[in-house]
Amino acid sequence: MPMLTLIEAVALVESSGNPLATRYEPALDSNPPRWLMAGLHNLMSFNPHLSYDEAVRALCTSWGKYQILGGNLYGPQINYGLDLGTFICSAAQQDMYSGIFMQISAGEIGQSIHNYVSSYTNAQGLAFAGHYNGPGAPLAYWNAVRRAAGLEILVPGQIEGA
C-alpha cells in the first residue's frame, strides 16, 4: 500500500474518496450547539432557497469526500462564501475548504495535512483526531486514519493519551 498524506487518508476514512457523500448527524440537530449555529446566517445568505429548518439540517450534515460538517464549513473559522451545490459538485472547492479546516487542526500540533500519516507522532495523531473528528473517540479515529495509510493500529496502553 502506498504511503498516504493525512488529507488523502482522511478522504478514504470519511467517504472512500466520494466527493458526493453526505452524512446527516441527527444528534446535533436535536439540540444544535451554539458553535454549530454560528454559521446559520452565512449559510442562509448563500443558500436562500433553504427554510430555517433545512438550513439547520445542512449545518448538521457532513459534506463531500472529507465529510466537513456544515457548521464548520459556514462557521467563523472557514466562513465559506458559496452555495452548498457548488461545494458538493466541486472537488477543488472540497480540497481547498476542507483542507483549510484540516490544516487548522494539524497546524495546532505543528504538522501539515500534506505530510505522510507516518510522520505524525501518536500524540499528534490523537490531537488531530480529537479536533477534526470531535473529542468522543480520538484513538478509534486515528486508528482508522492509520489503517487507511497502511500502518498498524495502536492499542490503549501502547501510547500516552489513549
Foldseek 3Di string as FASTA:
>chain_A
DAFAFQVVLLLCLQPNVFLQDKAFQVVCLVPPDPLLCQLQVLQCVQVVVDDSSRSSRQQRMFGGSNRHHNSQCRHDQNNDRHHPVVRSPDPVNCCVRVLSQLQVQLVVVPHHSRDTLVVDDPVSQLSSQCRRVNNPCSLVVSQSSCVSRVHHGDDPVRDPPD
